[in-house]
PDB file of all heavy atoms in Angstrom:
ATOM      1  N   THR A   1      59.598 123.064 -89.300  1.00  0.00           N
ATOM      2  CA  THR A   1      59.383 123.180 -87.850  1.00  0.00           C
ATOM      3  C   THR A   1      58.440 122.115 -87.312  1.00  0.00           C
ATOM      4  O   THR A   1      57.984 122.213 -86.174  1.00  0.00           O
ATOM      5  CB  THR A   1      58.827 124.573 -87.513  1.00  0.00           C
ATOM      6  OG1 THR A   1      57.557 124.752 -88.178  1.00  0.00           O
ATOM      7  CG2 THR A   1      59.784 125.670 -87.941  1.00  0.00           C
ATOM      8  N   ALA A   2      58.138 121.112 -88.110  1.00  0.00           N
ATOM      9  CA  ALA A   2      57.215 120.069 -87.674  1.00  0.00           C
ATOM     10  C   ALA A   2      57.710 119.401 -86.404  1.00  0.00           C
ATOM     11  O   ALA A   2      58.908 119.162 -86.221  1.00  0.00           O
ATOM     12  CB  ALA A   2      57.044 119.028 -88.779  1.00  0.00           C
ATOM     13  N   GLU A   3      56.764 119.084 -85.518  1.00  0.00           N
ATOM     14  CA  GLU A   3      57.127 118.414 -84.277  1.00  0.00           C
ATOM     15  C   GLU A   3      57.373 116.928 -84.561  1.00  0.00           C
ATOM     16  O   GLU A   3      56.558 116.257 -85.195  1.00  0.00           O
ATOM     17  CB  GLU A   3      56.003 118.554 -83.251  1.00  0.00           C
ATOM     18  CG  GLU A   3      56.328 117.936 -81.903  1.00  0.00           C
ATOM     19  CD  GLU A   3      55.219 118.119 -80.883  1.00  0.00           C
ATOM     20  OE1 GLU A   3      54.188 118.734 -81.232  1.00  0.00           O
ATOM     21  OE2 GLU A   3      55.387 117.645 -79.745  1.00  0.00           O
ATOM     22  N   LEU A   4      58.492 116.421 -84.099  1.00  0.00           N
ATOM     23  CA  LEU A   4      58.842 115.020 -84.292  1.00  0.00           C
ATOM     24  C   LEU A   4      59.178 114.385 -82.947  1.00  0.00           C
ATOM     25  O   LEU A   4      59.915 114.966 -82.149  1.00  0.00           O
ATOM     26  CB  LEU A   4      60.055 114.878 -85.221  1.00  0.00           C
ATOM     27  CG  LEU A   4      59.914 115.401 -86.654  1.00  0.00           C
ATOM     28  CD1 LEU A   4      61.235 115.232 -87.390  1.00  0.00           C
ATOM     29  CD2 LEU A   4      58.803 114.652 -87.392  1.00  0.00           C
ATOM     30  N   HIS A   5      58.650 113.192 -82.715  1.00  0.00           N
ATOM     31  CA  HIS A   5      58.949 112.470 -81.484  1.00  0.00           C
ATOM     32  C   HIS A   5      60.064 111.466 -81.777  1.00  0.00           C
ATOM     33  O   HIS A   5      59.876 110.254 -81.758  1.00  0.00           O
ATOM     34  CB  HIS A   5      57.690 111.776 -80.971  1.00  0.00           C
ATOM     35  CG  HIS A   5      56.562 112.731 -80.685  1.00  0.00           C
ATOM     36  ND1 HIS A   5      56.586 113.602 -79.614  1.00  0.00           N
ATOM     37  CD2 HIS A   5      55.395 112.973 -81.346  1.00  0.00           C
ATOM     38  CE1 HIS A   5      55.476 114.331 -79.612  1.00  0.00           C
ATOM     39  NE2 HIS A   5      54.743 113.975 -80.659  1.00  0.00           N
ATOM     40  N   VAL A   6      61.236 112.009 -82.037  1.00  0.00           N
ATOM     41  CA  VAL A   6      62.364 111.177 -82.453  1.00  0.00           C
ATOM     42  C   VAL A   6      62.768 110.197 -81.364  1.00  0.00           C
ATOM     43  O   VAL A   6      63.176 109.071 -81.649  1.00  0.00           O
ATOM     44  CB  VAL A   6      63.556 112.072 -82.852  1.00  0.00           C
ATOM     45  CG1 VAL A   6      64.743 111.237 -83.280  1.00  0.00           C
ATOM     46  CG2 VAL A   6      63.147 113.010 -83.980  1.00  0.00           C
ATOM     47  N   ASN A   7      62.637 110.607 -80.103  1.00  0.00           N
ATOM     48  CA  ASN A   7      63.058 109.726 -79.009  1.00  0.00           C
ATOM     49  C   ASN A   7      62.168 108.504 -78.867  1.00  0.00           C
ATOM     50  O   ASN A   7      62.508 107.561 -78.154  1.00  0.00           O
ATOM     51  CB  ASN A   7      63.123 110.496 -77.690  1.00  0.00           C
ATOM     52  CG  ASN A   7      61.776 111.085 -77.283  1.00  0.00           C
ATOM     53  OD1 ASN A   7      60.847 111.165 -78.099  1.00  0.00           O
ATOM     54  ND2 ASN A   7      61.663 111.510 -76.038  1.00  0.00           N
ATOM     55  N   GLN A   8      61.032 108.489 -79.558  1.00  0.00           N
ATOM     56  CA  GLN A   8      60.153 107.327 -79.520  1.00  0.00           C
ATOM     57  C   GLN A   8      60.430 106.346 -80.661  1.00  0.00           C
ATOM     58  O   GLN A   8      59.845 105.263 -80.704  1.00  0.00           O
ATOM     59  CB  GLN A   8      58.690 107.783 -79.570  1.00  0.00           C
ATOM     60  CG  GLN A   8      58.269 108.628 -78.375  1.00  0.00           C
ATOM     61  CD  GLN A   8      56.835 109.126 -78.495  1.00  0.00           C
ATOM     62  OE1 GLN A   8      56.064 108.662 -79.328  1.00  0.00           O
ATOM     63  NE2 GLN A   8      56.482 110.098 -77.660  1.00  0.00           N
ATOM     64  N   ALA A   9      61.300 106.723 -81.568  1.00  0.00           N
ATOM     65  CA  ALA A   9      61.633 105.850 -82.692  1.00  0.00           C
ATOM     66  C   ALA A   9      62.711 104.852 -82.271  1.00  0.00           C
ATOM     67  O   ALA A   9      63.621 105.177 -81.501  1.00  0.00           O
ATOM     68  CB  ALA A   9      62.128 106.668 -83.876  1.00  0.00           C
ATOM     69  N   ASP A  10      62.607 103.634 -82.801  1.00  0.00           N
ATOM     70  CA  ASP A  10      63.600 102.608 -82.489  1.00  0.00           C
ATOM     71  C   ASP A  10      64.843 102.746 -83.351  1.00  0.00           C
ATOM     72  O   ASP A  10      65.899 102.187 -83.011  1.00  0.00           O
ATOM     73  CB  ASP A  10      62.988 101.217 -82.697  1.00  0.00           C
ATOM     74  CG  ASP A  10      61.839 100.955 -81.738  1.00  0.00           C
ATOM     75  OD1 ASP A  10      62.107 100.842 -80.522  1.00  0.00           O
ATOM     76  OD2 ASP A  10      60.688 100.875 -82.196  1.00  0.00           O
ATOM     77  N   ALA A  11      64.750 103.465 -84.464  1.00  0.00           N
ATOM     78  CA  ALA A  11      65.886 103.664 -85.360  1.00  0.00           C
ATOM     79  C   ALA A  11      65.588 104.832 -86.285  1.00  0.00           C
ATOM     80  O   ALA A  11      64.435 105.241 -86.445  1.00  0.00           O
ATOM     81  CB  ALA A  11      66.162 102.399 -86.172  1.00  0.00           C
ATOM     82  N   LEU A  12      66.645 105.355 -86.916  1.00  0.00           N
ATOM     83  CA  LEU A  12      66.521 106.466 -87.847  1.00  0.00           C
ATOM     84  C   LEU A  12      67.100 106.062 -89.199  1.00  0.00           C
ATOM     85  O   LEU A  12      68.114 105.362 -89.272  1.00  0.00           O
ATOM     86  CB  LEU A  12      67.277 107.699 -87.345  1.00  0.00           C
ATOM     87  CG  LEU A  12      66.917 108.247 -85.963  1.00  0.00           C
ATOM     88  CD1 LEU A  12      67.790 109.456 -85.649  1.00  0.00           C
ATOM     89  CD2 LEU A  12      65.449 108.620 -85.891  1.00  0.00           C
ATOM     90  N   ILE A  13      66.443 106.517 -90.262  1.00  0.00           N
ATOM     91  CA  ILE A  13      66.957 106.373 -91.618  1.00  0.00           C
ATOM     92  C   ILE A  13      67.022 107.770 -92.225  1.00  0.00           C
ATOM     93  O   ILE A  13      66.062 108.543 -92.116  1.00  0.00           O
ATOM     94  CB  ILE A  13      66.056 105.479 -92.483  1.00  0.00           C
ATOM     95  CG1 ILE A  13      65.928 104.074 -91.882  1.00  0.00           C
ATOM     96  CG2 ILE A  13      66.587 105.388 -93.907  1.00  0.00           C
ATOM     97  CD1 ILE A  13      64.924 103.186 -92.609  1.00  0.00           C
ATOM     98  N   VAL A  14      68.138 108.099 -92.861  1.00  0.00           N
ATOM     99  CA  VAL A  14      68.312 109.410 -93.478  1.00  0.00           C
ATOM    100  C   VAL A  14      68.607 109.186 -94.953  1.00  0.00           C
ATOM    101  O   VAL A  14      69.639 108.621 -95.309  1.00  0.00           O
ATOM    102  CB  VAL A  14      69.445 110.209 -92.810  1.00  0.00           C
ATOM    103  CG1 VAL A  14      69.433 111.656 -93.309  1.00  0.00           C
ATOM    104  CG2 VAL A  14      69.325 110.172 -91.294  1.00  0.00           C
ATOM    105  N   MET A  15      67.693 109.621 -95.822  1.00  0.00           N
ATOM    106  CA  MET A  15      67.791 109.332 -97.245  1.00  0.00           C
ATOM    107  C   MET A  15      68.596 110.400 -97.994  1.00  0.00           C
ATOM    108  O   MET A  15      69.130 111.323 -97.405  1.00  0.00           O
ATOM    109  CB  MET A  15      66.387 109.193 -97.844  1.00  0.00           C
ATOM    110  CG  MET A  15      65.585 108.036 -97.244  1.00  0.00           C
ATOM    111  SD  MET A  15      66.455 106.442 -97.322  1.00  0.00           S
ATOM    112  CE  MET A  15      66.651 106.241 -99.105  1.00  0.00           C
ATOM    113  N   GLY A  16      68.664 110.247 -99.331  1.00  0.00           N
ATOM    114  CA  GLY A  16      69.442 111.137-100.170  1.00  0.00           C
ATOM    115  C   GLY A  16      68.684 112.380-100.588  1.00  0.00           C
ATOM    116  O   GLY A  16      67.550 112.621-100.163  1.00  0.00           O
ATOM    117  N   GLY A  17      69.320 113.168-101.466  1.00  0.00           N
ATOM    118  CA  GLY A  17      68.708 114.391-101.960  1.00  0.00           C
ATOM    119  C   GLY A  17      69.737 115.217-102.706  1.00  0.00           C
ATOM    120  O   GLY A  17      70.946 114.990-102.576  1.00  0.00           O
ATOM    121  N   PRO A  18      69.289 116.190-103.488  1.00  0.00           N
ATOM    122  CA  PRO A  18      70.202 116.975-104.319  1.00  0.00           C
ATOM    123  C   PRO A  18      70.949 118.072-103.582  1.00  0.00           C
ATOM    124  O   PRO A  18      71.885 118.662-104.122  1.00  0.00           O
ATOM    125  CB  PRO A  18      69.263 117.579-105.370  1.00  0.00           C
ATOM    126  CG  PRO A  18      67.961 117.727-104.642  1.00  0.00           C
ATOM    127  CD  PRO A  18      67.879 116.529-103.733  1.00  0.00           C
ATOM    128  N   MET A  19      70.548 118.366-102.358  1.00  0.00           N
ATOM    129  CA  MET A  19      71.219 119.432-101.621  1.00  0.00           C
ATOM    130  C   MET A  19      72.536 118.926-101.024  1.00  0.00           C
ATOM    131  O   MET A  19      72.833 117.734-101.067  1.00  0.00           O
ATOM    132  CB  MET A  19      70.308 119.995-100.533  1.00  0.00           C
ATOM    133  CG  MET A  19      69.821 118.979 -99.508  1.00  0.00           C
ATOM    134  SD  MET A  19      68.587 117.809-100.151  1.00  0.00           S
ATOM    135  CE  MET A  19      67.244 118.906-100.583  1.00  0.00           C
ATOM    136  N   SER A  20      73.316 119.843-100.479  1.00  0.00           N
ATOM    137  CA  SER A  20      74.581 119.489 -99.843  1.00  0.00           C
ATOM    138  C   SER A  20      74.408 119.443 -98.332  1.00  0.00           C
ATOM    139  O   SER A  20      73.618 120.207 -97.758  1.00  0.00           O
ATOM    140  CB  SER A  20      75.659 120.525-100.195  1.00  0.00           C
ATOM    141  OG  SER A  20      76.827 120.339 -99.409  1.00  0.00           O
ATOM    142  N   ALA A  21      75.152 118.561 -97.710  1.00  0.00           N
ATOM    143  CA  ALA A  21      75.152 118.512 -96.250  1.00  0.00           C
ATOM    144  C   ALA A  21      75.688 119.809 -95.661  1.00  0.00           C
ATOM    145  O   ALA A  21      75.454 120.101 -94.478  1.00  0.00           O
ATOM    146  CB  ALA A  21      75.996 117.329 -95.769  1.00  0.00           C
ATOM    147  N   ASN A  22      76.394 120.590 -96.480  1.00  0.00           N
ATOM    148  CA  ASN A  22      76.945 121.868 -96.010  1.00  0.00           C
ATOM    149  C   ASN A  22      76.007 123.042 -96.223  1.00  0.00           C
ATOM    150  O   ASN A  22      76.328 124.164 -95.804  1.00  0.00           O
ATOM    151  CB  ASN A  22      78.266 122.155 -96.745  1.00  0.00           C
ATOM    152  CG  ASN A  22      79.328 121.126 -96.430  1.00  0.00           C
ATOM    153  OD1 ASN A  22      79.491 120.719 -95.287  1.00  0.00           O
ATOM    154  ND2 ASN A  22      80.066 120.696 -97.450  1.00  0.00           N
ATOM    155  N   ASP A  23      74.865 122.823 -96.868  1.00  0.00           N
ATOM    156  CA  ASP A  23      73.920 123.915 -97.102  1.00  0.00           C
ATOM    157  C   ASP A  23      73.365 124.442 -95.784  1.00  0.00           C
ATOM    158  O   ASP A  23      73.044 123.661 -94.869  1.00  0.00           O
ATOM    159  CB  ASP A  23      72.761 123.446 -97.986  1.00  0.00           C
ATOM    160  CG  ASP A  23      73.177 123.280 -99.443  1.00  0.00           C
ATOM    161  OD1 ASP A  23      74.259 123.774 -99.810  1.00  0.00           O
ATOM    162  OD2 ASP A  23      72.414 122.646-100.204  1.00  0.00           O
ATOM    163  N   ASP A  24      73.239 125.746 -95.710  1.00  0.00           N
ATOM    164  CA  ASP A  24      72.729 126.386 -94.495  1.00  0.00           C
ATOM    165  C   ASP A  24      71.202 126.381 -94.525  1.00  0.00           C
ATOM    166  O   ASP A  24      70.553 127.404 -94.737  1.00  0.00           O
ATOM    167  CB  ASP A  24      73.266 127.814 -94.403  1.00  0.00           C
ATOM    168  CG  ASP A  24      72.906 128.484 -93.084  1.00  0.00           C
ATOM    169  OD1 ASP A  24      72.541 127.758 -92.137  1.00  0.00           O
ATOM    170  OD2 ASP A  24      72.989 129.730 -93.000  1.00  0.00           O
ATOM    171  N   LEU A  25      70.648 125.184 -94.318  1.00  0.00           N
ATOM    172  CA  LEU A  25      69.201 124.991 -94.347  1.00  0.00           C
ATOM    173  C   LEU A  25      68.728 124.598 -92.951  1.00  0.00           C
ATOM    174  O   LEU A  25      69.255 123.638 -92.368  1.00  0.00           O
ATOM    175  CB  LEU A  25      68.822 123.905 -95.356  1.00  0.00           C
ATOM    176  CG  LEU A  25      69.182 124.209 -96.816  1.00  0.00           C
ATOM    177  CD1 LEU A  25      68.983 122.976 -97.683  1.00  0.00           C
ATOM    178  CD2 LEU A  25      68.312 125.370 -97.329  1.00  0.00           C
ATOM    179  N   PRO A  26      67.746 125.305 -92.409  1.00  0.00           N
ATOM    180  CA  PRO A  26      67.302 125.017 -91.036  1.00  0.00           C
ATOM    181  C   PRO A  26      66.916 123.560 -90.822  1.00  0.00           C
ATOM    182  O   PRO A  26      67.216 122.982 -89.769  1.00  0.00           O
ATOM    183  CB  PRO A  26      66.098 125.950 -90.857  1.00  0.00           C
ATOM    184  CG  PRO A  26      66.377 127.094 -91.773  1.00  0.00           C
ATOM    185  CD  PRO A  26      67.046 126.481 -92.973  1.00  0.00           C
ATOM    186  N   TYR A  27      66.242 122.940 -91.810  1.00  0.00           N
ATOM    187  CA  TYR A  27      65.808 121.561 -91.580  1.00  0.00           C
ATOM    188  C   TYR A  27      66.989 120.599 -91.562  1.00  0.00           C
ATOM    189  O   TYR A  27      66.939 119.568 -90.860  1.00  0.00           O
ATOM    190  CB  TYR A  27      64.747 121.132 -92.596  1.00  0.00           C
ATOM    191  CG  TYR A  27      65.202 120.991 -94.032  1.00  0.00           C
ATOM    192  CD1 TYR A  27      65.744 119.801 -94.498  1.00  0.00           C
ATOM    193  CD2 TYR A  27      65.051 122.044 -94.927  1.00  0.00           C
ATOM    194  CE1 TYR A  27      66.139 119.667 -95.820  1.00  0.00           C
ATOM    195  CE2 TYR A  27      65.432 121.915 -96.249  1.00  0.00           C
ATOM    196  CZ  TYR A  27      65.980 120.725 -96.691  1.00  0.00           C
ATOM    197  OH  TYR A  27      66.368 120.581 -97.997  1.00  0.00           O
ATOM    198  N   LEU A  28      68.065 120.908 -92.301  1.00  0.00           N
ATOM    199  CA  LEU A  28      69.252 120.053 -92.232  1.00  0.00           C
ATOM    200  C   LEU A  28      69.945 120.202 -90.879  1.00  0.00           C
ATOM    201  O   LEU A  28      70.459 119.213 -90.329  1.00  0.00           O
ATOM    202  CB  LEU A  28      70.220 120.386 -93.364  1.00  0.00           C
ATOM    203  CG  LEU A  28      69.792 119.985 -94.777  1.00  0.00           C
ATOM    204  CD1 LEU A  28      70.913 120.283 -95.774  1.00  0.00           C
ATOM    205  CD2 LEU A  28      69.399 118.503 -94.848  1.00  0.00           C
ATOM    206  N   HIS A  29      69.942 121.408 -90.341  1.00  0.00           N
ATOM    207  CA  HIS A  29      70.508 121.610 -89.003  1.00  0.00           C
ATOM    208  C   HIS A  29      69.729 120.780 -87.975  1.00  0.00           C
ATOM    209  O   HIS A  29      70.331 120.175 -87.070  1.00  0.00           O
ATOM    210  CB  HIS A  29      70.466 123.089 -88.616  1.00  0.00           C
ATOM    211  CG  HIS A  29      71.312 123.964 -89.486  1.00  0.00           C
ATOM    212  ND1 HIS A  29      72.561 123.598 -89.926  1.00  0.00           N
ATOM    213  CD2 HIS A  29      71.083 125.210 -90.001  1.00  0.00           C
ATOM    214  CE1 HIS A  29      73.078 124.564 -90.667  1.00  0.00           C
ATOM    215  NE2 HIS A  29      72.192 125.557 -90.737  1.00  0.00           N
ATOM    216  N   ARG A  30      68.412 120.746 -88.117  1.00  0.00           N
ATOM    217  CA  ARG A  30      67.596 119.945 -87.198  1.00  0.00           C
ATOM    218  C   ARG A  30      67.905 118.460 -87.361  1.00  0.00           C
ATOM    219  O   ARG A  30      68.027 117.734 -86.379  1.00  0.00           O
ATOM    220  CB  ARG A  30      66.107 120.182 -87.454  1.00  0.00           C
ATOM    221  CG  ARG A  30      65.562 121.499 -86.970  1.00  0.00           C
ATOM    222  CD  ARG A  30      64.041 121.504 -87.029  1.00  0.00           C
ATOM    223  NE  ARG A  30      63.468 120.678 -85.958  1.00  0.00           N
ATOM    224  CZ  ARG A  30      62.193 120.265 -85.933  1.00  0.00           C
ATOM    225  NH1 ARG A  30      61.384 120.567 -86.941  1.00  0.00           N
ATOM    226  NH2 ARG A  30      61.754 119.547 -84.923  1.00  0.00           N
ATOM    227  N   GLU A  31      68.038 118.023 -88.615  1.00  0.00           N
ATOM    228  CA  GLU A  31      68.329 116.610 -88.849  1.00  0.00           C
ATOM    229  C   GLU A  31      69.658 116.206 -88.228  1.00  0.00           C
ATOM    230  O   GLU A  31      69.777 115.125 -87.643  1.00  0.00           O
ATOM    231  CB  GLU A  31      68.344 116.316 -90.347  1.00  0.00           C
ATOM    232  CG  GLU A  31      66.961 116.264 -90.967  1.00  0.00           C
ATOM    233  CD  GLU A  31      66.993 115.823 -92.421  1.00  0.00           C
ATOM    234  OE1 GLU A  31      67.915 115.074 -92.797  1.00  0.00           O
ATOM    235  OE2 GLU A  31      66.095 116.229 -93.183  1.00  0.00           O
ATOM    236  N   ILE A  32      70.656 117.054 -88.366  1.00  0.00           N
ATOM    237  CA  ILE A  32      71.959 116.749 -87.771  1.00  0.00           C
ATOM    238  C   ILE A  32      71.828 116.592 -86.258  1.00  0.00           C
ATOM    239  O   ILE A  32      72.431 115.694 -85.661  1.00  0.00           O
ATOM    240  CB  ILE A  32      72.981 117.846 -88.144  1.00  0.00           C
ATOM    241  CG1 ILE A  32      73.371 117.696 -89.628  1.00  0.00           C
ATOM    242  CG2 ILE A  32      74.218 117.770 -87.255  1.00  0.00           C
ATOM    243  CD1 ILE A  32      74.221 118.820 -90.155  1.00  0.00           C
ATOM    244  N   GLN A  33      71.032 117.437 -85.640  1.00  0.00           N
ATOM    245  CA  GLN A  33      70.818 117.308 -84.196  1.00  0.00           C
ATOM    246  C   GLN A  33      70.080 116.018 -83.862  1.00  0.00           C
ATOM    247  O   GLN A  33      70.406 115.329 -82.885  1.00  0.00           O
ATOM    248  CB  GLN A  33      70.041 118.514 -83.662  1.00  0.00           C
ATOM    249  CG  GLN A  33      69.904 118.522 -82.145  1.00  0.00           C
ATOM    250  CD  GLN A  33      71.243 118.477 -81.445  1.00  0.00           C
ATOM    251  OE1 GLN A  33      72.098 119.340 -81.674  1.00  0.00           O
ATOM    252  NE2 GLN A  33      71.451 117.473 -80.603  1.00  0.00           N
ATOM    253  N   PHE A  34      69.090 115.661 -84.682  1.00  0.00           N
ATOM    254  CA  PHE A  34      68.373 114.409 -84.455  1.00  0.00           C
ATOM    255  C   PHE A  34      69.301 113.211 -84.630  1.00  0.00           C
ATOM    256  O   PHE A  34      69.210 112.221 -83.887  1.00  0.00           O
ATOM    257  CB  PHE A  34      67.186 114.292 -85.416  1.00  0.00           C
ATOM    258  CG  PHE A  34      66.051 115.228 -85.109  1.00  0.00           C
ATOM    259  CD1 PHE A  34      65.345 115.853 -86.127  1.00  0.00           C
ATOM    260  CD2 PHE A  34      65.673 115.488 -83.797  1.00  0.00           C
ATOM    261  CE1 PHE A  34      64.287 116.713 -85.845  1.00  0.00           C
ATOM    262  CE2 PHE A  34      64.619 116.349 -83.505  1.00  0.00           C
ATOM    263  CZ  PHE A  34      63.927 116.962 -84.537  1.00  0.00           C
ATOM    264  N   ILE A  35      70.186 113.275 -85.630  1.00  0.00           N
ATOM    265  CA  ILE A  35      71.152 112.194 -85.830  1.00  0.00           C
ATOM    266  C   ILE A  35      72.059 112.079 -84.614  1.00  0.00           C
ATOM    267  O   ILE A  35      72.319 110.979 -84.119  1.00  0.00           O
ATOM    268  CB  ILE A  35      71.981 112.442 -87.106  1.00  0.00           C
ATOM    269  CG1 ILE A  35      71.099 112.320 -88.353  1.00  0.00           C
ATOM    270  CG2 ILE A  35      73.150 111.452 -87.190  1.00  0.00           C
ATOM    271  CD1 ILE A  35      71.763 112.825 -89.626  1.00  0.00           C
ATOM    272  N   ARG A  36      72.547 113.214 -84.129  1.00  0.00           N
ATOM    273  CA  ARG A  36      73.397 113.213 -82.943  1.00  0.00           C
ATOM    274  C   ARG A  36      72.681 112.605 -81.750  1.00  0.00           C
ATOM    275  O   ARG A  36      73.235 111.769 -81.021  1.00  0.00           O
ATOM    276  CB  ARG A  36      73.848 114.651 -82.644  1.00  0.00           C
ATOM    277  CG  ARG A  36      74.491 114.871 -81.269  1.00  0.00           C
ATOM    278  CD  ARG A  36      75.589 113.892 -80.949  1.00  0.00           C
ATOM    279  NE  ARG A  36      76.710 113.997 -81.861  1.00  0.00           N
ATOM    280  CZ  ARG A  36      77.690 113.084 -81.933  1.00  0.00           C
ATOM    281  NH1 ARG A  36      77.638 111.997 -81.182  1.00  0.00           N
ATOM    282  NH2 ARG A  36      78.675 113.244 -82.781  1.00  0.00           N
ATOM    283  N   ASP A  37      71.431 113.005 -81.537  1.00  0.00           N
ATOM    284  CA  ASP A  37      70.657 112.465 -80.425  1.00  0.00           C
ATOM    285  C   ASP A  37      70.464 110.960 -80.577  1.00  0.00           C
ATOM    286  O   ASP A  37      70.563 110.206 -79.598  1.00  0.00           O
ATOM    287  CB  ASP A  37      69.295 113.155 -80.333  1.00  0.00           C
ATOM    288  CG  ASP A  37      69.409 114.615 -79.910  1.00  0.00           C
ATOM    289  OD1 ASP A  37      70.485 115.012 -79.427  1.00  0.00           O
ATOM    290  OD2 ASP A  37      68.422 115.358 -80.076  1.00  0.00           O
ATOM    291  N   GLY A  38      70.171 110.514 -81.811  1.00  0.00           N
ATOM    292  CA  GLY A  38      69.980 109.086 -82.041  1.00  0.00           C
ATOM    293  C   GLY A  38      71.237 108.298 -81.752  1.00  0.00           C
ATOM    294  O   GLY A  38      71.186 107.222 -81.129  1.00  0.00           O
ATOM    295  N   ILE A  39      72.379 108.800 -82.215  1.00  0.00           N
ATOM    296  CA  ILE A  39      73.653 108.123 -81.950  1.00  0.00           C
ATOM    297  C   ILE A  39      73.927 108.087 -80.453  1.00  0.00           C
ATOM    298  O   ILE A  39      74.316 107.051 -79.900  1.00  0.00           O
ATOM    299  CB  ILE A  39      74.794 108.825 -82.705  1.00  0.00           C
ATOM    300  CG1 ILE A  39      74.617 108.644 -84.212  1.00  0.00           C
ATOM    301  CG2 ILE A  39      76.149 108.286 -82.255  1.00  0.00           C
ATOM    302  CD1 ILE A  39      75.601 109.437 -85.045  1.00  0.00           C
ATOM    303  N   ASP A  40      73.728 109.216 -79.779  1.00  0.00           N
ATOM    304  CA  ASP A  40      73.988 109.290 -78.343  1.00  0.00           C
ATOM    305  C   ASP A  40      73.080 108.356 -77.554  1.00  0.00           C
ATOM    306  O   ASP A  40      73.478 107.836 -76.494  1.00  0.00           O
ATOM    307  CB  ASP A  40      73.808 110.723 -77.844  1.00  0.00           C
ATOM    308  CG  ASP A  40      74.908 111.660 -78.329  1.00  0.00           C
ATOM    309  OD1 ASP A  40      75.942 111.151 -78.820  1.00  0.00           O
ATOM    310  OD2 ASP A  40      74.728 112.892 -78.233  1.00  0.00           O
ATOM    311  N   ARG A  41      71.871 108.129 -78.042  1.00  0.00           N
ATOM    312  CA  ARG A  41      70.927 107.241 -77.364  1.00  0.00           C
ATOM    313  C   ARG A  41      71.150 105.776 -77.740  1.00  0.00           C
ATOM    314  O   ARG A  41      70.435 104.908 -77.255  1.00  0.00           O
ATOM    315  CB  ARG A  41      69.486 107.646 -77.705  1.00  0.00           C
ATOM    316  CG  ARG A  41      69.069 108.986 -77.110  1.00  0.00           C
ATOM    317  CD  ARG A  41      67.724 109.448 -77.674  1.00  0.00           C
ATOM    318  NE  ARG A  41      66.661 108.517 -77.370  1.00  0.00           N
ATOM    319  CZ  ARG A  41      65.974 108.503 -76.230  1.00  0.00           C
ATOM    320  NH1 ARG A  41      66.243 109.389 -75.288  1.00  0.00           N
ATOM    321  NH2 ARG A  41      65.012 107.624 -76.032  1.00  0.00           N
ATOM    322  N   GLY A  42      72.108 105.519 -78.603  1.00  0.00           N
ATOM    323  CA  GLY A  42      72.412 104.141 -78.985  1.00  0.00           C
ATOM    324  C   GLY A  42      71.438 103.535 -79.966  1.00  0.00           C
ATOM    325  O   GLY A  42      71.337 102.309 -80.080  1.00  0.00           O
TER     326      GLY A  42
END
């Protein structure tokens, strides 16, 4: 639940890990939303 100022970043990097993108993990759901926002913001 950490607060992140993603809209202030000039770019996003998303690294690897042993979990699946399909895992029902709250932080992965947040990351997907951040990725979507980053793509939408160009």
